[in-house]
Amino acid sequence: MVIAFPFAFDRNMPAARARRILRRLPPLRGRPIRIHRHAGLRDRHGPVHGGAFLRERRIAFDCRAREFARIFTHEVFHFVWLRLGNRWRRSYEDLVRREIAARARGELGWASEFRKRDLQDDDAGRRTRRWREYCCESFCDSAAWLYSGVRRHEEFSLASRHRARRGLWFAELTRARHLSI
């Protein structure tokens, strides 16, 4: 079942702004996701701008309006990653593994940047939790860079040649198919 607008916004959320962002995203399919504000949002690393609660099918935000497009897109893509399937997740892992082997510095968001810095030499080969979390955040940050409409940001520090490869990877992922959320 394809749902054209699978999001339910609380009264105090910018639904019109989110609809503009969603028009830039590839087609999505899935049950509705609730979107709401949550002051003082934190995860185990400290304060965060947004959080995806996958089992509860909701996204919470505590960010400024100028950050909303990037954070919203990032959080939506956590739902995509969950349903992506092993073949596509492993393909994305291979992409970032090649970047790391090429000594690529930087990332496309702080969520993946600090996890990339914490990786140890054997994490990728053993597919540790650290590695899998990095890949997930890298995927979501890459989607935010690609689809949010934000062209420049201080957190976009990955070299352009690696950005281009990620863009091609996403083009292949989305070619003639809906993404499940």
C-alpha atoms as a PDB file:
ATOM      1  CA  MET A   1       0.000   0.000   0.000  1.00  0.00           C
ATOM      2  CA  VAL A   2       1.439   3.370  -1.050  1.00  0.00           C
ATOM      3  CA  ILE A   3       0.635   6.310   1.184  1.00  0.00           C
ATOM      4  CA  ALA A   4       1.237   9.708  -0.415  1.00  0.00           C
ATOM      5  CA  PHE A   5       1.796  11.486   2.888  1.00  0.00           C
ATOM      6  CA  PRO A   6       2.567   8.958   5.628  1.00  0.00           C
ATOM      7  CA  PHE A   7       3.110  11.500   8.409  1.00  0.00           C
ATOM      8  CA  ALA A   8       0.864  12.806  11.187  1.00  0.00           C
ATOM      9  CA  PHE A   9       1.958  16.173  12.591  1.00  0.00           C
ATOM     10  CA  ASP A  10       1.187  17.491  16.040  1.00  0.00           C
ATOM     11  CA  ARG A  11      -0.330  20.987  16.050  1.00  0.00           C
ATOM     12  CA  ASN A  12       2.930  22.738  16.869  1.00  0.00           C
ATOM     13  CA  MET A  13       4.954  21.148  14.032  1.00  0.00           C
ATOM     14  CA  PRO A  14       5.589  22.864  10.664  1.00  0.00           C
ATOM     15  CA  ALA A  15       3.592  20.488   8.449  1.00  0.00           C
ATOM     16  CA  ALA A  16       3.692  22.810   5.417  1.00  0.00           C
ATOM     17  CA  ARG A  17       7.502  23.018   5.617  1.00  0.00           C
ATOM     18  CA  ALA A  18       7.733  19.233   5.950  1.00  0.00           C
ATOM     19  CA  ARG A  19       5.505  18.730   2.900  1.00  0.00           C
ATOM     20  CA  ARG A  20       7.919  20.851   0.822  1.00  0.00           C
ATOM     21  CA  ILE A  21      10.804  18.699   2.032  1.00  0.00           C
ATOM     22  CA  LEU A  22       8.917  15.475   1.325  1.00  0.00           C
ATOM     23  CA  ARG A  23       8.409  16.515  -2.316  1.00  0.00           C
ATOM     24  CA  ARG A  24      12.205  16.322  -2.736  1.00  0.00           C
ATOM     25  CA  LEU A  25      12.402  12.788  -1.315  1.00  0.00           C
ATOM     26  CA  PRO A  26      12.006   9.604  -3.323  1.00  0.00           C
ATOM     27  CA  PRO A  27       8.530   8.048  -3.041  1.00  0.00           C
ATOM     28  CA  LEU A  28       7.928   6.528   0.395  1.00  0.00           C
ATOM     29  CA  ARG A  29       5.633   3.676   1.357  1.00  0.00           C
ATOM     30  CA  GLY A  30       4.501   2.703   4.832  1.00  0.00           C
ATOM     31  CA  ARG A  31       2.290   3.256   7.818  1.00  0.00           C
ATOM     32  CA  PRO A  32       2.031   6.794   9.230  1.00  0.00           C
ATOM     33  CA  ILE A  33       4.785   8.237  11.410  1.00  0.00           C
ATOM     34  CA  ARG A  34       3.897  10.757  14.108  1.00  0.00           C
ATOM     35  CA  ILE A  35       5.956  13.977  14.141  1.00  0.00           C
ATOM     36  CA  HIS A  36       6.170  16.078  17.316  1.00  0.00           C
ATOM     37  CA  ARG A  37       8.313  18.484  19.335  1.00  0.00           C
ATOM     38  CA  HIS A  38      10.103  17.378  22.464  1.00  0.00           C
ATOM     39  CA  ALA A  39      12.044  19.993  24.424  1.00  0.00           C
ATOM     40  CA  GLY A  40      15.314  18.800  25.928  1.00  0.00           C
ATOM     41  CA  LEU A  41      15.671  15.800  23.593  1.00  0.00           C
ATOM     42  CA  ARG A  42      18.711  13.618  24.416  1.00  0.00           C
ATOM     43  CA  ASP A  43      20.228  10.285  23.536  1.00  0.00           C
ATOM     44  CA  ARG A  44      22.994   8.343  25.261  1.00  0.00           C
ATOM     45  CA  HIS A  45      25.568  10.786  23.842  1.00  0.00           C
ATOM     46  CA  GLY A  46      23.825  13.965  25.062  1.00  0.00           C
ATOM     47  CA  PRO A  47      21.490  16.622  23.567  1.00  0.00           C
ATOM     48  CA  VAL A  48      20.201  15.964  20.013  1.00  0.00           C
ATOM     49  CA  HIS A  49      18.141  17.883  17.453  1.00  0.00           C
ATOM     50  CA  GLY A  50      15.919  14.948  16.542  1.00  0.00           C
ATOM     51  CA  GLY A  51      15.227  11.341  17.338  1.00  0.00           C
ATOM     52  CA  ALA A  52      13.531   8.517  15.446  1.00  0.00           C
ATOM     53  CA  PHE A  53      11.621   6.087  17.650  1.00  0.00           C
ATOM     54  CA  LEU A  54      11.265   3.254  15.169  1.00  0.00           C
ATOM     55  CA  ARG A  55       9.069   0.841  17.115  1.00  0.00           C
ATOM     56  CA  GLU A  56       6.725   3.651  18.154  1.00  0.00           C
ATOM     57  CA  ARG A  57       6.674   5.064  14.593  1.00  0.00           C
ATOM     58  CA  ARG A  58       7.389   8.611  15.707  1.00  0.00           C
ATOM     59  CA  ILE A  59       9.994  11.312  15.287  1.00  0.00           C
ATOM     60  CA  ALA A  60      10.701  13.924  17.944  1.00  0.00           C
ATOM     61  CA  PHE A  61      12.372  17.278  17.262  1.00  0.00           C
ATOM     62  CA  ASP A  62      14.175  19.881  19.330  1.00  0.00           C
ATOM     63  CA  CYS A  63      15.793  22.028  16.645  1.00  0.00           C
ATOM     64  CA  ARG A  64      15.661  25.509  15.196  1.00  0.00           C
ATOM     65  CA  ALA A  65      13.661  26.183  12.053  1.00  0.00           C
ATOM     66  CA  ARG A  66      16.810  26.615   9.936  1.00  0.00           C
ATOM     67  CA  GLU A  67      17.945  23.071  10.866  1.00  0.00           C
ATOM     68  CA  PHE A  68      14.548  21.423  10.419  1.00  0.00           C
ATOM     69  CA  ALA A  69      14.911  20.318   6.756  1.00  0.00           C
ATOM     70  CA  ARG A  70      18.210  18.554   7.337  1.00  0.00           C
ATOM     71  CA  ILE A  71      17.201  16.971  10.646  1.00  0.00           C
ATOM     72  CA  PHE A  72      13.740  15.946   9.393  1.00  0.00           C
ATOM     73  CA  THR A  73      15.210  14.216   6.323  1.00  0.00           C
ATOM     74  CA  HIS A  74      17.866  12.480   8.435  1.00  0.00           C
ATOM     75  CA  GLU A  75      15.273  11.119  10.884  1.00  0.00           C
ATOM     76  CA  VAL A  76      12.927   9.922   8.124  1.00  0.00           C
ATOM     77  CA  PHE A  77      15.780   7.933   6.631  1.00  0.00           C
ATOM     78  CA  HIS A  78      16.242   5.996   9.867  1.00  0.00           C
ATOM     79  CA  PHE A  79      12.925   4.356   8.958  1.00  0.00           C
ATOM     80  CA  VAL A  80      14.244   3.663   5.438  1.00  0.00           C
ATOM     81  CA  TRP A  81      17.455   2.086   6.832  1.00  0.00           C
ATOM     82  CA  LEU A  82      15.426  -0.206   9.079  1.00  0.00           C
ATOM     83  CA  ARG A  83      13.515  -1.618   6.106  1.00  0.00           C
ATOM     84  CA  LEU A  84      16.272  -1.386   3.510  1.00  0.00           C
ATOM     85  CA  GLY A  85      17.185  -5.061   3.558  1.00  0.00           C
ATOM     86  CA  ASN A  86      20.573  -6.694   4.026  1.00  0.00           C
ATOM     87  CA  ARG A  87      21.580  -6.496   0.365  1.00  0.00           C
ATOM     88  CA  TRP A  88      21.285  -2.703   0.258  1.00  0.00           C
ATOM     89  CA  ARG A  89      22.701  -2.163   3.746  1.00  0.00           C
ATOM     90  CA  ARG A  90      25.756  -4.289   2.886  1.00  0.00           C
ATOM     91  CA  SER A  91      26.120  -2.409  -0.394  1.00  0.00           C
ATOM     92  CA  TYR A  92      26.190   0.889   1.484  1.00  0.00           C
ATOM     93  CA  GLU A  93      28.676  -0.559   3.976  1.00  0.00           C
ATOM     94  CA  ASP A  94      30.920  -1.539   1.062  1.00  0.00           C
ATOM     95  CA  LEU A  95      30.736   2.022  -0.263  1.00  0.00           C
ATOM     96  CA  VAL A  96      31.873   3.594   3.013  1.00  0.00           C
ATOM     97  CA  ARG A  97      34.422   0.816   3.555  1.00  0.00           C
ATOM     98  CA  ARG A  98      36.032   1.826   0.221  1.00  0.00           C
ATOM     99  CA  GLU A  99      35.997   5.485   1.316  1.00  0.00           C
ATOM    100  CA  ILE A 100      37.760   4.619   4.549  1.00  0.00           C
ATOM    101  CA  ALA A 101      40.322   2.510   2.680  1.00  0.00           C
ATOM    102  CA  ALA A 102      40.959   5.573   0.494  1.00  0.00           C
ATOM    103  CA  ARG A 103      41.481   7.595   3.704  1.00  0.00           C
ATOM    104  CA  ALA A 104      38.477   9.815   3.055  1.00  0.00           C
ATOM    105  CA  ARG A 105      38.089  12.373   5.811  1.00  0.00           C
ATOM    106  CA  GLY A 106      34.920  14.114   6.841  1.00  0.00           C
ATOM    107  CA  GLU A 107      31.272  13.161   6.626  1.00  0.00           C
ATOM    108  CA  LEU A 108      27.908  14.712   5.799  1.00  0.00           C
ATOM    109  CA  GLY A 109      26.743  15.328   9.360  1.00  0.00           C
ATOM    110  CA  TRP A 110      27.864  15.298  12.942  1.00  0.00           C
ATOM    111  CA  ALA A 111      25.951  12.082  13.758  1.00  0.00           C
ATOM    112  CA  SER A 112      28.177  10.095  11.401  1.00  0.00           C
ATOM    113  CA  GLU A 113      31.308  12.219  11.845  1.00  0.00           C
ATOM    114  CA  PHE A 114      31.795  11.497  15.535  1.00  0.00           C
ATOM    115  CA  ARG A 115      31.007   7.804  15.031  1.00  0.00           C
ATOM    116  CA  LYS A 116      33.517   7.615  12.193  1.00  0.00           C
ATOM    117  CA  ARG A 117      36.183   9.108  14.470  1.00  0.00           C
ATOM    118  CA  ASP A 118      35.502   6.399  17.067  1.00  0.00           C
ATOM    119  CA  LEU A 119      35.902   3.483  14.651  1.00  0.00           C
ATOM    120  CA  GLN A 120      38.706   1.065  15.353  1.00  0.00           C
ATOM    121  CA  ASP A 121      40.700  -0.793  12.716  1.00  0.00           C
ATOM    122  CA  ASP A 122      38.788  -4.063  12.984  1.00  0.00           C
ATOM    123  CA  ASP A 123      35.236  -2.659  13.354  1.00  0.00           C
ATOM    124  CA  ALA A 124      34.349  -2.853   9.649  1.00  0.00           C
ATOM    125  CA  GLY A 125      35.677  -6.388   9.196  1.00  0.00           C
ATOM    126  CA  ARG A 126      33.890  -7.665  12.282  1.00  0.00           C
ATOM    127  CA  ARG A 127      30.759  -5.536  11.595  1.00  0.00           C
ATOM    128  CA  THR A 128      30.708  -4.420  15.213  1.00  0.00           C
ATOM    129  CA  ARG A 129      27.902  -2.367  16.702  1.00  0.00           C
ATOM    130  CA  ARG A 130      30.142   0.704  16.343  1.00  0.00           C
ATOM    131  CA  TRP A 131      30.498   0.006  12.616  1.00  0.00           C
ATOM    132  CA  ARG A 132      26.790  -0.665  12.045  1.00  0.00           C
ATOM    133  CA  GLU A 133      25.787   2.502  13.935  1.00  0.00           C
ATOM    134  CA  TYR A 134      28.278   4.523  11.926  1.00  0.00           C
ATOM    135  CA  CYS A 135      26.904   3.123   8.641  1.00  0.00           C
ATOM    136  CA  CYS A 136      23.327   3.873   9.654  1.00  0.00           C
ATOM    137  CA  GLU A 137      24.138   7.465  10.638  1.00  0.00           C
ATOM    138  CA  SER A 138      26.246   7.932   7.514  1.00  0.00           C
ATOM    139  CA  PHE A 139      23.337   6.704   5.372  1.00  0.00           C
ATOM    140  CA  CYS A 140      20.901   9.094   7.082  1.00  0.00           C
ATOM    141  CA  ASP A 141      23.306  12.051   6.924  1.00  0.00           C
ATOM    142  CA  SER A 142      23.927  11.318   3.240  1.00  0.00           C
ATOM    143  CA  ALA A 143      20.186  11.278   2.553  1.00  0.00           C
ATOM    144  CA  ALA A 144      19.818  14.590   4.407  1.00  0.00           C
ATOM    145  CA  TRP A 145      22.634  16.107   2.330  1.00  0.00           C
ATOM    146  CA  LEU A 146      21.076  14.791  -0.879  1.00  0.00           C
ATOM    147  CA  TYR A 147      17.347  15.407  -0.330  1.00  0.00           C
ATOM    148  CA  SER A 148      16.838  18.119   2.317  1.00  0.00           C
ATOM    149  CA  GLY A 149      17.450  21.041  -0.022  1.00  0.00           C
ATOM    150  CA  VAL A 150      20.292  22.300   2.168  1.00  0.00           C
ATOM    151  CA  ARG A 151      23.158  22.891  -0.255  1.00  0.00           C
ATOM    152  CA  ARG A 152      25.828  24.084   2.166  1.00  0.00           C
ATOM    153  CA  HIS A 153      26.358  23.336   5.804  1.00  0.00           C
ATOM    154  CA  GLU A 154      29.354  23.355   8.103  1.00  0.00           C
ATOM    155  CA  GLU A 155      28.800  19.633   8.749  1.00  0.00           C
ATOM    156  CA  PHE A 156      29.176  18.727   5.039  1.00  0.00           C
ATOM    157  CA  SER A 157      32.898  17.963   5.167  1.00  0.00           C
ATOM    158  CA  LEU A 158      33.197  14.865   2.949  1.00  0.00           C
ATOM    159  CA  ALA A 159      35.167  15.425  -0.275  1.00  0.00           C
ATOM    160  CA  SER A 160      33.104  16.056  -3.401  1.00  0.00           C
ATOM    161  CA  ARG A 161      34.279  12.878  -5.180  1.00  0.00           C
ATOM    162  CA  HIS A 162      32.935  10.767  -2.309  1.00  0.00           C
ATOM    163  CA  ARG A 163      29.711  12.792  -2.220  1.00  0.00           C
ATOM    164  CA  ALA A 164      29.271  12.100  -5.923  1.00  0.00           C
ATOM    165  CA  ARG A 165      29.663   8.340  -5.372  1.00  0.00           C
ATOM    166  CA  ARG A 166      27.101   8.431  -2.589  1.00  0.00           C
ATOM    167  CA  GLY A 167      24.731  10.351  -4.845  1.00  0.00           C
ATOM    168  CA  LEU A 168      25.085   7.658  -7.504  1.00  0.00           C
ATOM    169  CA  TRP A 169      24.489   4.944  -4.906  1.00  0.00           C
ATOM    170  CA  PHE A 170      21.240   6.623  -3.816  1.00  0.00           C
ATOM    171  CA  ALA A 171      20.188   7.050  -7.460  1.00  0.00           C
ATOM    172  CA  GLU A 172      20.576   3.309  -7.934  1.00  0.00           C
ATOM    173  CA  LEU A 173      18.677   2.592  -4.712  1.00  0.00           C
ATOM    174  CA  THR A 174      15.720   4.742  -5.704  1.00  0.00           C
ATOM    175  CA  ARG A 175      15.584   3.868  -9.415  1.00  0.00           C
ATOM    176  CA  ALA A 176      11.935   3.059 -10.179  1.00  0.00           C
ATOM    177  CA  ARG A 177      11.004   1.969  -6.670  1.00  0.00           C
ATOM    178  CA  HIS A 178       9.381   3.235  -3.512  1.00  0.00           C
ATOM    179  CA  LEU A 179      11.343   3.227  -0.282  1.00  0.00           C
ATOM    180  CA  SER A 180       9.662   1.454   2.605  1.00  0.00           C
ATOM    181  CA  ILE A 181       9.415   3.307   5.882  1.00  0.00           C
END
